[in-house]
Protein backbone atom coordinates (compact mmCIF):
# COMPACT_ATOMS: atom_id res chain seq x y z
CA MET A 1 81.04 -15.37 44.85
CA ALA A 2 77.90 -15.52 42.80
CA SER A 3 76.73 -18.93 41.72
CA VAL A 4 76.85 -19.68 38.03
CA VAL A 5 73.37 -20.39 36.67
CA PRO A 6 73.01 -21.88 33.18
CA VAL A 7 71.41 -19.55 30.65
CA LYS A 8 68.54 -21.98 30.06
CA GLU A 9 67.45 -21.86 33.70
CA LYS A 10 67.54 -18.06 34.03
CA LYS A 11 64.41 -15.97 33.87
CA LEU A 12 64.12 -13.85 30.75
CA MET A 13 64.51 -10.65 32.76
CA ASP A 14 67.84 -11.90 34.19
CA VAL A 15 69.40 -12.74 30.82
CA LYS A 16 72.05 -10.33 29.56
CA LEU A 17 71.68 -8.85 26.07
CA GLY A 18 74.62 -10.86 24.70
CA GLU A 19 73.12 -14.11 26.00
CA LEU A 20 69.68 -13.44 24.49
CA PRO A 21 70.09 -15.27 21.13
CA SER A 22 71.43 -18.42 22.78
CA CYS A 23 68.68 -18.23 25.42
CA ILE A 24 65.94 -18.00 22.78
CA LEU A 25 67.41 -20.88 20.79
CA MET A 26 67.49 -23.08 23.91
CA ARG A 27 63.75 -22.68 24.51
CA GLY A 28 61.44 -25.44 23.36
CA PHE A 29 59.41 -24.76 20.24
CA THR A 30 56.97 -27.61 20.80
CA PRO A 31 53.35 -26.80 21.63
CA LYS A 32 54.05 -27.57 25.28
CA GLY A 33 57.17 -25.39 25.24
CA ILE A 34 55.26 -22.49 23.74
CA ALA A 35 52.24 -22.83 26.04
CA GLY A 36 54.41 -23.13 29.18
CA PRO A 37 55.25 -19.42 29.56
CA PHE A 38 51.61 -18.46 29.02
CA GLN A 39 50.51 -20.96 31.65
CA ARG A 40 53.12 -19.69 34.12
CA GLY A 41 52.03 -16.11 33.47
CA TYR A 42 48.39 -17.01 34.05
CA TYR A 43 49.15 -18.78 37.33
CA ARG A 44 51.34 -15.89 38.43
CA TYR A 45 48.58 -13.38 37.72
CA TYR A 46 45.93 -15.59 39.34
CA ASN A 47 47.94 -16.13 42.52
CA LYS A 48 48.89 -12.45 42.79
CA TYR A 49 45.52 -10.80 42.16
CA VAL A 50 42.70 -13.35 42.43
CA ASN A 51 43.76 -16.06 44.85
CA VAL A 52 44.69 -13.91 47.86
CA LYS A 53 43.66 -14.08 51.51
CA LYS A 54 42.51 -10.46 51.76
CA GLY A 55 41.05 -10.35 48.31
CA GLY A 56 39.34 -7.49 46.65
CA ILE A 57 37.92 -7.03 43.23
CA ALA A 58 41.15 -5.68 41.74
CA GLY A 59 42.13 -8.80 39.78
CA ILE A 60 38.70 -9.46 38.36
CA SER A 61 38.12 -5.79 37.53
CA MET A 62 41.41 -5.69 35.58
CA VAL A 63 40.27 -8.66 33.52
CA LEU A 64 36.91 -7.01 32.86
CA ALA A 65 38.58 -3.72 31.91
CA ALA A 66 40.93 -5.51 29.52
CA HIS A 67 37.95 -7.34 28.00
CA ALA A 68 36.04 -4.07 27.50
CA PHE A 69 39.11 -2.37 25.98
CA PHE A 70 39.70 -5.31 23.62
CA ASN A 71 36.08 -5.25 22.44
CA TYR A 72 36.20 -1.47 21.95
CA CYS A 73 39.35 -1.80 19.83
CA ARG A 74 37.75 -4.59 17.84
CA CYS A 75 34.57 -2.59 17.11
CA TYR A 76 36.17 0.85 16.70
CA LYS A 77 35.80 0.88 12.92
CA GLU A 78 32.03 0.31 13.07
CA LEU A 79 31.59 2.77 15.92
CA LYS A 80 33.51 5.46 14.06
CA HIS A 81 31.34 4.91 11.00
CA LYS A 82 28.18 5.32 13.12
CA TRP A 83 29.52 8.49 14.76
CA LEU A 84 30.34 10.07 11.41
CA ARG A 85 26.85 9.27 10.06
CA LYS A 86 25.14 10.54 13.20
CA TYR A 87 26.83 13.95 13.49
CA HIS A 88 27.39 14.84 9.81
């Protein structure tokens, strides 16, 4: 038989759709409760891609690519304006 795990201790991906509202309401809405999932995600990413024994540049290059994409999206309006002035 499968062991019964309380909804609060399940990972979000393991929660059934009917249990989702009660799972969300059980989460902490304090600053520490909100920052916790982000911190776990950061450590998970860091340990998977950056802190490895046979490391490459994959983890760091993904961060740099995301940074470049974010900056491009942020400056797109100004770039588009320059392009339109330059070619028309």
